[in-house]
Amino acid sequence: MKVNGADVTPYNALTFFIRGDGEAGYTKRIKLELKDKTNKPSAYIVSGVTDKWQKISIPLNKFRRIEDWKSLNELVFVFDDINSNPKAGSVFIDQVSFERQ
């Protein structure tokens, strides 16, 4: 998701809701990447995905490679060979936001 140079300095967490599809199957781990204006990815692994909706809250300081929180360019949900198993199924993501906690 492009966030077009968003200034997220008023916030300290990235939050979203997630659940896997119990019928289609789903991975229990995904990787998130944030990118600032340098476009270097800063990754965080989310594990423990279930077939029930759960709110995930990640402190922004966990994304250690971000140098400029005043100019965030992209948020990426990565389904890769290392973290995603099984390789088929569905994961639902909703209400992605930056929050002050």
PDB file of N, CA and C in Angstrom:
ATOM      1  N   MET A   1       0.848  -1.172   0.000  1.00  0.00           N
ATOM      2  CA  MET A   1       0.000   0.000   0.000  1.00  0.00           C
ATOM      3  C   MET A   1       0.893   1.235   0.000  1.00  0.00           C
ATOM      4  N   LYS A   2       0.672   2.096  -0.929  1.00  0.00           N
ATOM      5  CA  LYS A   2       1.396   3.361  -0.964  1.00  0.00           C
ATOM      6  C   LYS A   2       0.793   4.304   0.083  1.00  0.00           C
ATOM      7  N   VAL A   3       1.651   4.962   0.852  1.00  0.00           N
ATOM      8  CA  VAL A   3       1.172   5.945   1.826  1.00  0.00           C
ATOM      9  C   VAL A   3       1.674   7.350   1.499  1.00  0.00           C
ATOM     10  N   ASN A   4       2.333   7.479   0.353  1.00  0.00           N
ATOM     11  CA  ASN A   4       2.633   8.767  -0.268  1.00  0.00           C
ATOM     12  C   ASN A   4       3.302   9.795   0.628  1.00  0.00           C
ATOM     13  N   GLY A   5       4.376   9.393   1.283  1.00  0.00           N
ATOM     14  CA  GLY A   5       5.142  10.342   2.085  1.00  0.00           C
ATOM     15  C   GLY A   5       4.458  10.766   3.368  1.00  0.00           C
ATOM     16  N   ALA A   6       3.637   9.908   3.934  1.00  0.00           N
ATOM     17  CA  ALA A   6       2.876  10.247   5.139  1.00  0.00           C
ATOM     18  C   ALA A   6       3.799  10.538   6.325  1.00  0.00           C
ATOM     19  N   ASP A   7       3.444  11.550   7.087  1.00  0.00           N
ATOM     20  CA  ASP A   7       4.133  11.885   8.332  1.00  0.00           C
ATOM     21  C   ASP A   7       3.439  11.118   9.456  1.00  0.00           C
ATOM     22  N   VAL A   8       4.099  10.111  10.004  1.00  0.00           N
ATOM     23  CA  VAL A   8       3.492   9.311  11.068  1.00  0.00           C
ATOM     24  C   VAL A   8       4.114   9.631  12.437  1.00  0.00           C
ATOM     25  N   THR A   9       4.821  10.752  12.548  1.00  0.00           N
ATOM     26  CA  THR A   9       5.436  11.110  13.825  1.00  0.00           C
ATOM     27  C   THR A   9       4.435  11.288  14.966  1.00  0.00           C
ATOM     28  N   PRO A  10       3.159  11.629  14.721  1.00  0.00           N
ATOM     29  CA  PRO A  10       2.227  11.711  15.859  1.00  0.00           C
ATOM     30  C   PRO A  10       1.834  10.338  16.423  1.00  0.00           C
ATOM     31  N   TYR A  11       2.228   9.263  15.770  1.00  0.00           N
ATOM     32  CA  TYR A  11       1.781   7.920  16.143  1.00  0.00           C
ATOM     33  C   TYR A  11       2.947   7.074  16.638  1.00  0.00           C
ATOM     34  N   ASN A  12       2.630   6.011  17.366  1.00  0.00           N
ATOM     35  CA  ASN A  12       3.690   5.120  17.834  1.00  0.00           C
ATOM     36  C   ASN A  12       3.396   3.645  17.564  1.00  0.00           C
ATOM     37  N   ALA A  13       2.310   3.360  16.821  1.00  0.00           N
ATOM     38  CA  ALA A  13       1.983   1.962  16.537  1.00  0.00           C
ATOM     39  C   ALA A  13       1.285   1.839  15.184  1.00  0.00           C
ATOM     40  N   LEU A  14       1.524   0.698  14.551  1.00  0.00           N
ATOM     41  CA  LEU A  14       0.788   0.286  13.355  1.00  0.00           C
ATOM     42  C   LEU A  14      -0.195  -0.783  13.819  1.00  0.00           C
ATOM     43  N   THR A  15      -1.471  -0.607  13.521  1.00  0.00           N
ATOM     44  CA  THR A  15      -2.478  -1.572  13.960  1.00  0.00           C
ATOM     45  C   THR A  15      -3.313  -2.047  12.777  1.00  0.00           C
ATOM     46  N   PHE A  16      -3.826  -3.266  12.900  1.00  0.00           N
ATOM     47  CA  PHE A  16      -4.733  -3.820  11.909  1.00  0.00           C
ATOM     48  C   PHE A  16      -5.389  -5.059  12.498  1.00  0.00           C
ATOM     49  N   PHE A  17      -6.458  -5.481  11.879  1.00  0.00           N
ATOM     50  CA  PHE A  17      -7.129  -6.725  12.243  1.00  0.00           C
ATOM     51  C   PHE A  17      -6.779  -7.769  11.188  1.00  0.00           C
ATOM     52  N   ILE A  18      -6.647  -9.027  11.628  1.00  0.00           N
ATOM     53  CA  ILE A  18      -6.266 -10.096  10.711  1.00  0.00           C
ATOM     54  C   ILE A  18      -6.945 -11.400  11.118  1.00  0.00           C
ATOM     55  N   ARG A  19      -7.272 -12.203  10.114  1.00  0.00           N
ATOM     56  CA  ARG A  19      -7.725 -13.573  10.361  1.00  0.00           C
ATOM     57  C   ARG A  19      -7.482 -14.405   9.120  1.00  0.00           C
ATOM     58  N   GLY A  20      -7.289 -15.702   9.335  1.00  0.00           N
ATOM     59  CA  GLY A  20      -7.145 -16.640   8.236  1.00  0.00           C
ATOM     60  C   GLY A  20      -8.489 -17.263   7.906  1.00  0.00           C
ATOM     61  N   ASP A  21      -8.604 -17.778   6.701  1.00  0.00           N
ATOM     62  CA  ASP A  21      -9.817 -18.445   6.237  1.00  0.00           C
ATOM     63  C   ASP A  21      -9.743 -19.918   6.624  1.00  0.00           C
ATOM     64  N   GLY A  22     -10.586 -20.336   7.585  1.00  0.00           N
ATOM     65  CA  GLY A  22     -10.562 -21.699   8.083  1.00  0.00           C
ATOM     66  C   GLY A  22     -10.870 -22.741   7.030  1.00  0.00           C
ATOM     67  N   GLU A  23     -11.680 -22.400   6.043  1.00  0.00           N
ATOM     68  CA  GLU A  23     -12.030 -23.353   4.989  1.00  0.00           C
ATOM     69  C   GLU A  23     -10.958 -23.441   3.909  1.00  0.00           C
ATOM     70  N   ALA A  24     -10.431 -22.304   3.493  1.00  0.00           N
ATOM     71  CA  ALA A  24      -9.445 -22.286   2.401  1.00  0.00           C
ATOM     72  C   ALA A  24      -8.033 -22.591   2.897  1.00  0.00           C
ATOM     73  N   GLY A  25      -7.804 -22.454   4.219  1.00  0.00           N
ATOM     74  CA  GLY A  25      -6.467 -22.592   4.770  1.00  0.00           C
ATOM     75  C   GLY A  25      -5.776 -21.234   4.804  1.00  0.00           C
ATOM     76  N   TYR A  26      -4.711 -21.140   5.566  1.00  0.00           N
ATOM     77  CA  TYR A  26      -4.007 -19.861   5.692  1.00  0.00           C
ATOM     78  C   TYR A  26      -2.649 -20.068   6.352  1.00  0.00           C
ATOM     79  N   THR A  27      -1.765 -19.140   6.104  1.00  0.00           N
ATOM     80  CA  THR A  27      -0.470 -19.121   6.776  1.00  0.00           C
ATOM     81  C   THR A  27      -0.647 -18.532   8.168  1.00  0.00           C
ATOM     82  N   LYS A  28       0.157 -18.973   9.097  1.00  0.00           N
ATOM     83  CA  LYS A  28       0.087 -18.455  10.460  1.00  0.00           C
ATOM     84  C   LYS A  28       1.109 -17.351  10.714  1.00  0.00           C
ATOM     85  N   ARG A  29       1.951 -17.102   9.710  1.00  0.00           N
ATOM     86  CA  ARG A  29       2.979 -16.053   9.810  1.00  0.00           C
ATOM     87  C   ARG A  29       3.016 -15.238   8.524  1.00  0.00           C
ATOM     88  N   ILE A  30       3.138 -13.933   8.679  1.00  0.00           N
ATOM     89  CA  ILE A  30       3.375 -13.057   7.529  1.00  0.00           C
ATOM     90  C   ILE A  30       4.421 -12.016   7.919  1.00  0.00           C
ATOM     91  N   LYS A  31       5.038 -11.468   6.919  1.00  0.00           N
ATOM     92  CA  LYS A  31       6.021 -10.414   7.134  1.00  0.00           C
ATOM     93  C   LYS A  31       5.418  -9.081   6.708  1.00  0.00           C
ATOM     94  N   LEU A  32       5.645  -8.049   7.520  1.00  0.00           N
ATOM     95  CA  LEU A  32       5.274  -6.688   7.159  1.00  0.00           C
ATOM     96  C   LEU A  32       6.539  -5.907   6.888  1.00  0.00           C
ATOM     97  N   GLU A  33       6.467  -5.013   5.932  1.00  0.00           N
ATOM     98  CA  GLU A  33       7.578  -4.113   5.657  1.00  0.00           C
ATOM     99  C   GLU A  33       7.062  -2.690   5.585  1.00  0.00           C
ATOM    100  N   LEU A  34       7.764  -1.792   6.243  1.00  0.00           N
ATOM    101  CA  LEU A  34       7.548  -0.359   6.066  1.00  0.00           C
ATOM    102  C   LEU A  34       8.741   0.183   5.302  1.00  0.00           C
ATOM    103  N   LYS A  35       8.489   1.180   4.462  1.00  0.00           N
ATOM    104  CA  LYS A  35       9.561   1.822   3.703  1.00  0.00           C
ATOM    105  C   LYS A  35       9.404   3.330   3.825  1.00  0.00           C
ATOM    106  N   ASP A  36      10.517   4.003   4.125  1.00  0.00           N
ATOM    107  CA  ASP A  36      10.497   5.457   4.136  1.00  0.00           C
ATOM    108  C   ASP A  36      10.928   5.975   2.765  1.00  0.00           C
ATOM    109  N   LYS A  37      11.288   7.222   2.674  1.00  0.00           N
ATOM    110  CA  LYS A  37      11.613   7.795   1.362  1.00  0.00           C
ATOM    111  C   LYS A  37      12.846   7.168   0.724  1.00  0.00           C
ATOM    112  N   THR A  38      13.686   6.455   1.509  1.00  0.00           N
ATOM    113  CA  THR A  38      14.837   5.774   0.933  1.00  0.00           C
ATOM    114  C   THR A  38      14.430   4.448   0.285  1.00  0.00           C
ATOM    115  N   ASN A  39      13.213   3.990   0.535  1.00  0.00           N
ATOM    116  CA  ASN A  39      12.657   2.734   0.023  1.00  0.00           C
ATOM    117  C   ASN A  39      13.377   1.489   0.518  1.00  0.00           C
ATOM    118  N   LYS A  40      14.188   1.631   1.579  1.00  0.00           N
ATOM    119  CA  LYS A  40      14.784   0.452   2.207  1.00  0.00           C
ATOM    120  C   LYS A  40      13.715  -0.209   3.069  1.00  0.00           C
ATOM    121  N   PRO A  41      13.486  -1.509   2.909  1.00  0.00           N
ATOM    122  CA  PRO A  41      12.461  -2.168   3.721  1.00  0.00           C
ATOM    123  C   PRO A  41      12.920  -2.389   5.159  1.00  0.00           C
ATOM    124  N   SER A  42      12.002  -2.167   6.079  1.00  0.00           N
ATOM    125  CA  SER A  42      12.211  -2.493   7.478  1.00  0.00           C
ATOM    126  C   SER A  42      11.128  -3.494   7.849  1.00  0.00           C
ATOM    127  N   ALA A  43      11.534  -4.696   8.219  1.00  0.00           N
ATOM    128  CA  ALA A  43      10.590  -5.808   8.345  1.00  0.00           C
ATOM    129  C   ALA A  43      10.217  -6.121   9.789  1.00  0.00           C
ATOM    130  N   TYR A  44       9.034  -6.726   9.935  1.00  0.00           N
ATOM    131  CA  TYR A  44       8.550  -7.250  11.204  1.00  0.00           C
ATOM    132  C   TYR A  44       7.701  -8.482  10.889  1.00  0.00           C
ATOM    133  N   ILE A  45       7.903  -9.559  11.649  1.00  0.00           N
ATOM    134  CA  ILE A  45       7.159 -10.794  11.431  1.00  0.00           C
ATOM    135  C   ILE A  45       5.974 -10.857  12.395  1.00  0.00           C
ATOM    136  N   VAL A  46       4.798 -11.104  11.841  1.00  0.00           N
ATOM    137  CA  VAL A  46       3.594 -11.326  12.646  1.00  0.00           C
ATOM    138  C   VAL A  46       3.327 -12.823  12.641  1.00  0.00           C
ATOM    139  N   SER A  47       3.212 -13.415  13.819  1.00  0.00           N
ATOM    140  CA  SER A  47       2.911 -14.844  13.903  1.00  0.00           C
ATOM    141  C   SER A  47       1.673 -15.042  14.772  1.00  0.00           C
ATOM    142  N   GLY A  48       1.155 -16.254  14.759  1.00  0.00           N
ATOM    143  CA  GLY A  48      -0.020 -16.553  15.567  1.00  0.00           C
ATOM    144  C   GLY A  48      -1.337 -16.206  14.913  1.00  0.00           C
ATOM    145  N   VAL A  49      -1.346 -16.077  13.578  1.00  0.00           N
ATOM    146  CA  VAL A  49      -2.594 -15.821  12.864  1.00  0.00           C
ATOM    147  C   VAL A  49      -3.519 -17.024  13.065  1.00  0.00           C
ATOM    148  N   THR A  50      -4.791 -16.758  13.365  1.00  0.00           N
ATOM    149  CA  THR A  50      -5.785 -17.817  13.553  1.00  0.00           C
ATOM    150  C   THR A  50      -6.973 -17.552  12.633  1.00  0.00           C
ATOM    151  N   ASP A  51      -8.007 -18.373  12.759  1.00  0.00           N
ATOM    152  CA  ASP A  51      -9.208 -18.140  11.948  1.00  0.00           C
ATOM    153  C   ASP A  51     -10.203 -17.213  12.645  1.00  0.00           C
ATOM    154  N   LYS A  52      -9.796 -16.582  13.742  1.00  0.00           N
ATOM    155  CA  LYS A  52     -10.613 -15.588  14.453  1.00  0.00           C
ATOM    156  C   LYS A  52      -9.987 -14.209  14.262  1.00  0.00           C
ATOM    157  N   TRP A  53     -10.839 -13.183  14.143  1.00  0.00           N
ATOM    158  CA  TRP A  53     -10.322 -11.823  14.022  1.00  0.00           C
ATOM    159  C   TRP A  53      -9.520 -11.483  15.267  1.00  0.00           C
ATOM    160  N   GLN A  54      -8.362 -10.900  15.065  1.00  0.00           N
ATOM    161  CA  GLN A  54      -7.566 -10.396  16.179  1.00  0.00           C
ATOM    162  C   GLN A  54      -6.925  -9.077  15.783  1.00  0.00           C
ATOM    163  N   LYS A  55      -6.796  -8.201  16.757  1.00  0.00           N
ATOM    164  CA  LYS A  55      -6.151  -6.921  16.505  1.00  0.00           C
ATOM    165  C   LYS A  55      -4.664  -7.067  16.778  1.00  0.00           C
ATOM    166  N   ILE A  56      -3.877  -6.666  15.805  1.00  0.00           N
ATOM    167  CA  ILE A  56      -2.418  -6.674  15.924  1.00  0.00           C
ATOM    168  C   ILE A  56      -1.970  -5.229  16.090  1.00  0.00           C
ATOM    169  N   SER A  57      -1.116  -4.994  17.054  1.00  0.00           N
ATOM    170  CA  SER A  57      -0.557  -3.666  17.290  1.00  0.00           C
ATOM    171  C   SER A  57       0.960  -3.795  17.369  1.00  0.00           C
ATOM    172  N   ILE A  58       1.646  -3.150  16.441  1.00  0.00           N
ATOM    173  CA  ILE A  58       3.099  -3.247  16.364  1.00  0.00           C
ATOM    174  C   ILE A  58       3.693  -1.873  16.694  1.00  0.00           C
ATOM    175  N   PRO A  59       4.497  -1.781  17.741  1.00  0.00           N
ATOM    176  CA  PRO A  59       5.169  -0.502  18.021  1.00  0.00           C
ATOM    177  C   PRO A  59       6.054  -0.107  16.837  1.00  0.00           C
ATOM    178  N   LEU A  60       5.977   1.144  16.451  1.00  0.00           N
ATOM    179  CA  LEU A  60       6.756   1.592  15.291  1.00  0.00           C
ATOM    180  C   LEU A  60       8.256   1.435  15.506  1.00  0.00           C
ATOM    181  N   ASN A  61       8.713   1.481  16.765  1.00  0.00           N
ATOM    182  CA  ASN A  61      10.154   1.345  16.995  1.00  0.00           C
ATOM    183  C   ASN A  61      10.670  -0.060  16.693  1.00  0.00           C
ATOM    184  N   LYS A  62       9.780  -1.014  16.408  1.00  0.00           N
ATOM    185  CA  LYS A  62      10.193  -2.353  15.972  1.00  0.00           C
ATOM    186  C   LYS A  62      10.688  -2.350  14.524  1.00  0.00           C
ATOM    187  N   PHE A  63      10.333  -1.310  13.781  1.00  0.00           N
ATOM    188  CA  PHE A  63      10.806  -1.153  12.400  1.00  0.00           C
ATOM    189  C   PHE A  63      12.102  -0.338  12.448  1.00  0.00           C
ATOM    190  N   ARG A  64      13.186  -1.003  12.776  1.00  0.00           N
ATOM    191  CA  ARG A  64      14.447  -0.340  13.128  1.00  0.00           C
ATOM    192  C   ARG A  64      15.159   0.365  11.970  1.00  0.00           C
ATOM    193  N   ARG A  65      14.879  -0.003  10.742  1.00  0.00           N
ATOM    194  CA  ARG A  65      15.606   0.593   9.610  1.00  0.00           C
ATOM    195  C   ARG A  65      14.963   1.876   9.083  1.00  0.00           C
ATOM    196  N   ILE A  66      13.815   2.256   9.625  1.00  0.00           N
ATOM    197  CA  ILE A  66      13.183   3.495   9.173  1.00  0.00           C
ATOM    198  C   ILE A  66      13.987   4.674   9.712  1.00  0.00           C
ATOM    199  N   GLU A  67      14.411   5.531   8.813  1.00  0.00           N
ATOM    200  CA  GLU A  67      15.203   6.695   9.201  1.00  0.00           C
ATOM    201  C   GLU A  67      14.376   7.964   9.287  1.00  0.00           C
ATOM    202  N   ASP A  68      13.294   8.046   8.516  1.00  0.00           N
ATOM    203  CA  ASP A  68      12.517   9.285   8.449  1.00  0.00           C
ATOM    204  C   ASP A  68      11.025   8.982   8.603  1.00  0.00           C
ATOM    205  N   TRP A  69      10.520   9.125   9.816  1.00  0.00           N
ATOM    206  CA  TRP A  69       9.100   8.874  10.090  1.00  0.00           C
ATOM    207  C   TRP A  69       8.215   9.993   9.563  1.00  0.00           C
ATOM    208  N   LYS A  70       8.816  11.077   9.066  1.00  0.00           N
ATOM    209  CA  LYS A  70       8.041  12.178   8.486  1.00  0.00           C
ATOM    210  C   LYS A  70       7.740  11.951   7.019  1.00  0.00           C
ATOM    211  N   SER A  71       8.280  10.869   6.456  1.00  0.00           N
ATOM    212  CA  SER A  71       8.098  10.631   5.032  1.00  0.00           C
ATOM    213  C   SER A  71       8.032   9.128   4.745  1.00  0.00           C
ATOM    214  N   LEU A  72       6.948   8.516   5.171  1.00  0.00           N
ATOM    215  CA  LEU A  72       6.755   7.088   4.946  1.00  0.00           C
ATOM    216  C   LEU A  72       6.142   6.878   3.568  1.00  0.00           C
ATOM    217  N   ASN A  73       6.692   5.933   2.805  1.00  0.00           N
ATOM    218  CA  ASN A  73       6.233   5.724   1.431  1.00  0.00           C
ATOM    219  C   ASN A  73       5.331   4.513   1.232  1.00  0.00           C
ATOM    220  N   GLU A  74       5.595   3.422   1.963  1.00  0.00           N
ATOM    221  CA  GLU A  74       4.889   2.194   1.614  1.00  0.00           C
ATOM    222  C   GLU A  74       4.767   1.256   2.812  1.00  0.00           C
ATOM    223  N   LEU A  75       3.652   0.533   2.843  1.00  0.00           N
ATOM    224  CA  LEU A  75       3.415  -0.571   3.775  1.00  0.00           C
ATOM    225  C   LEU A  75       3.131  -1.798   2.930  1.00  0.00           C
ATOM    226  N   VAL A  76       3.887  -2.877   3.185  1.00  0.00           N
ATOM    227  CA  VAL A  76       3.762  -4.082   2.380  1.00  0.00           C
ATOM    228  C   VAL A  76       3.483  -5.285   3.287  1.00  0.00           C
ATOM    229  N   PHE A  77       2.454  -6.055   2.959  1.00  0.00           N
ATOM    230  CA  PHE A  77       2.201  -7.342   3.586  1.00  0.00           C
ATOM    231  C   PHE A  77       2.826  -8.389   2.669  1.00  0.00           C
ATOM    232  N   VAL A  78       3.842  -9.087   3.160  1.00  0.00           N
ATOM    233  CA  VAL A  78       4.643  -9.981   2.329  1.00  0.00           C
ATOM    234  C   VAL A  78       4.287 -11.439   2.644  1.00  0.00           C
ATOM    235  N   PHE A  79       3.910 -12.171   1.612  1.00  0.00           N
ATOM    236  CA  PHE A  79       3.678 -13.607   1.721  1.00  0.00           C
ATOM    237  C   PHE A  79       4.800 -14.274   0.947  1.00  0.00           C
ATOM    238  N   ASP A  80       5.833 -14.699   1.676  1.00  0.00           N
ATOM    239  CA  ASP A  80       7.024 -15.225   1.018  1.00  0.00           C
ATOM    240  C   ASP A  80       7.237 -16.700   1.343  1.00  0.00           C
ATOM    241  N   ASP A  81       8.211 -17.305   0.700  1.00  0.00           N
ATOM    242  CA  ASP A  81       8.498 -18.734   0.886  1.00  0.00           C
ATOM    243  C   ASP A  81       9.001 -19.051   2.287  1.00  0.00           C
ATOM    244  N   ILE A  82       9.674 -18.128   2.917  1.00  0.00           N
ATOM    245  CA  ILE A  82      10.247 -18.387   4.239  1.00  0.00           C
ATOM    246  C   ILE A  82       9.175 -18.383   5.331  1.00  0.00           C
ATOM    247  N   ASN A  83       8.284 -17.406   5.302  1.00  0.00           N
ATOM    248  CA  ASN A  83       7.327 -17.219   6.391  1.00  0.00           C
ATOM    249  C   ASN A  83       5.941 -17.775   6.124  1.00  0.00           C
ATOM    250  N   SER A  84       5.569 -17.940   4.891  1.00  0.00           N
ATOM    251  CA  SER A  84       4.201 -18.339   4.554  1.00  0.00           C
ATOM    252  C   SER A  84       4.109 -19.842   4.320  1.00  0.00           C
ATOM    253  N   ASN A  85       3.356 -20.503   5.191  1.00  0.00           N
ATOM    254  CA  ASN A  85       3.155 -21.940   5.044  1.00  0.00           C
ATOM    255  C   ASN A  85       1.816 -22.282   5.681  1.00  0.00           C
ATOM    256  N   PRO A  86       0.852 -22.811   4.956  1.00  0.00           N
ATOM    257  CA  PRO A  86       0.941 -23.294   3.581  1.00  0.00           C
ATOM    258  C   PRO A  86       0.999 -22.145   2.580  1.00  0.00           C
ATOM    259  N   LYS A  87       1.297 -22.500   1.355  1.00  0.00           N
ATOM    260  CA  LYS A  87       1.472 -21.507   0.290  1.00  0.00           C
ATOM    261  C   LYS A  87       0.169 -21.146  -0.407  1.00  0.00           C
ATOM    262  N   ALA A  88      -0.944 -21.724   0.047  1.00  0.00           N
ATOM    263  CA  ALA A  88      -2.247 -21.434  -0.554  1.00  0.00           C
ATOM    264  C   ALA A  88      -3.221 -21.108   0.562  1.00  0.00           C
ATOM    265  N   GLY A  89      -4.302 -20.434   0.221  1.00  0.00           N
ATOM    266  CA  GLY A  89      -5.318 -20.084   1.203  1.00  0.00           C
ATOM    267  C   GLY A  89      -5.624 -18.605   1.160  1.00  0.00           C
ATOM    268  N   SER A  90      -6.254 -18.131   2.228  1.00  0.00           N
ATOM    269  CA  SER A  90      -6.658 -16.725   2.281  1.00  0.00           C
ATOM    270  C   SER A  90      -6.418 -16.152   3.673  1.00  0.00           C
ATOM    271  N   VAL A  91      -5.933 -14.924   3.689  1.00  0.00           N
ATOM    272  CA  VAL A  91      -5.779 -14.155   4.914  1.00  0.00           C
ATOM    273  C   VAL A  91      -6.512 -12.839   4.693  1.00  0.00           C
ATOM    274  N   PHE A  92      -7.338 -12.462   5.658  1.00  0.00           N
ATOM    275  CA  PHE A  92      -8.095 -11.216   5.577  1.00  0.00           C
ATOM    276  C   PHE A  92      -7.460 -10.183   6.490  1.00  0.00           C
ATOM    277  N   ILE A  93      -7.293  -8.968   5.968  1.00  0.00           N
ATOM    278  CA  ILE A  93      -6.693  -7.856   6.706  1.00  0.00           C
ATOM    279  C   ILE A  93      -7.647  -6.681   6.601  1.00  0.00           C
ATOM    280  N   ASP A  94      -7.899  -6.020   7.745  1.00  0.00           N
ATOM    281  CA  ASP A  94      -8.881  -4.945   7.766  1.00  0.00           C
ATOM    282  C   ASP A  94      -8.425  -3.848   8.737  1.00  0.00           C
ATOM    283  N   GLN A  95      -8.916  -2.654   8.516  1.00  0.00           N
ATOM    284  CA  GLN A  95      -8.737  -1.502   9.403  1.00  0.00           C
ATOM    285  C   GLN A  95      -7.271  -1.214   9.722  1.00  0.00           C
ATOM    286  N   VAL A  96      -6.473  -1.096   8.699  1.00  0.00           N
ATOM    287  CA  VAL A  96      -5.056  -0.765   8.867  1.00  0.00           C
ATOM    288  C   VAL A  96      -4.943   0.705   9.228  1.00  0.00           C
ATOM    289  N   SER A  97      -4.213   1.002  10.307  1.00  0.00           N
ATOM    290  CA  SER A  97      -4.076   2.397  10.705  1.00  0.00           C
ATOM    291  C   SER A  97      -2.809   2.615  11.539  1.00  0.00           C
ATOM    292  N   PHE A  98      -2.407   3.859  11.626  1.00  0.00           N
ATOM    293  CA  PHE A  98      -1.360   4.270  12.556  1.00  0.00           C
ATOM    294  C   PHE A  98      -2.080   4.888  13.737  1.00  0.00           C
ATOM    295  N   GLU A  99      -1.653   4.522  14.958  1.00  0.00           N
ATOM    296  CA  GLU A  99      -2.342   4.980  16.160  1.00  0.00           C
ATOM    297  C   GLU A  99      -1.354   5.475  17.196  1.00  0.00           C
ATOM    298  N   ARG A 100      -1.857   6.276  18.106  1.00  0.00           N
ATOM    299  CA  ARG A 100      -1.119   6.701  19.291  1.00  0.00           C
ATOM    300  C   ARG A 100      -1.628   5.852  20.435  1.00  0.00           C
ATOM    301  N   GLN A 101      -0.729   5.100  21.084  1.00  0.00           N
ATOM    302  CA  GLN A 101      -1.142   4.230  22.194  1.00  0.00           C
ATOM    303  C   GLN A 101      -0.445   4.599  23.474  1.00  0.00           C
TER     304      GLN A 101
END
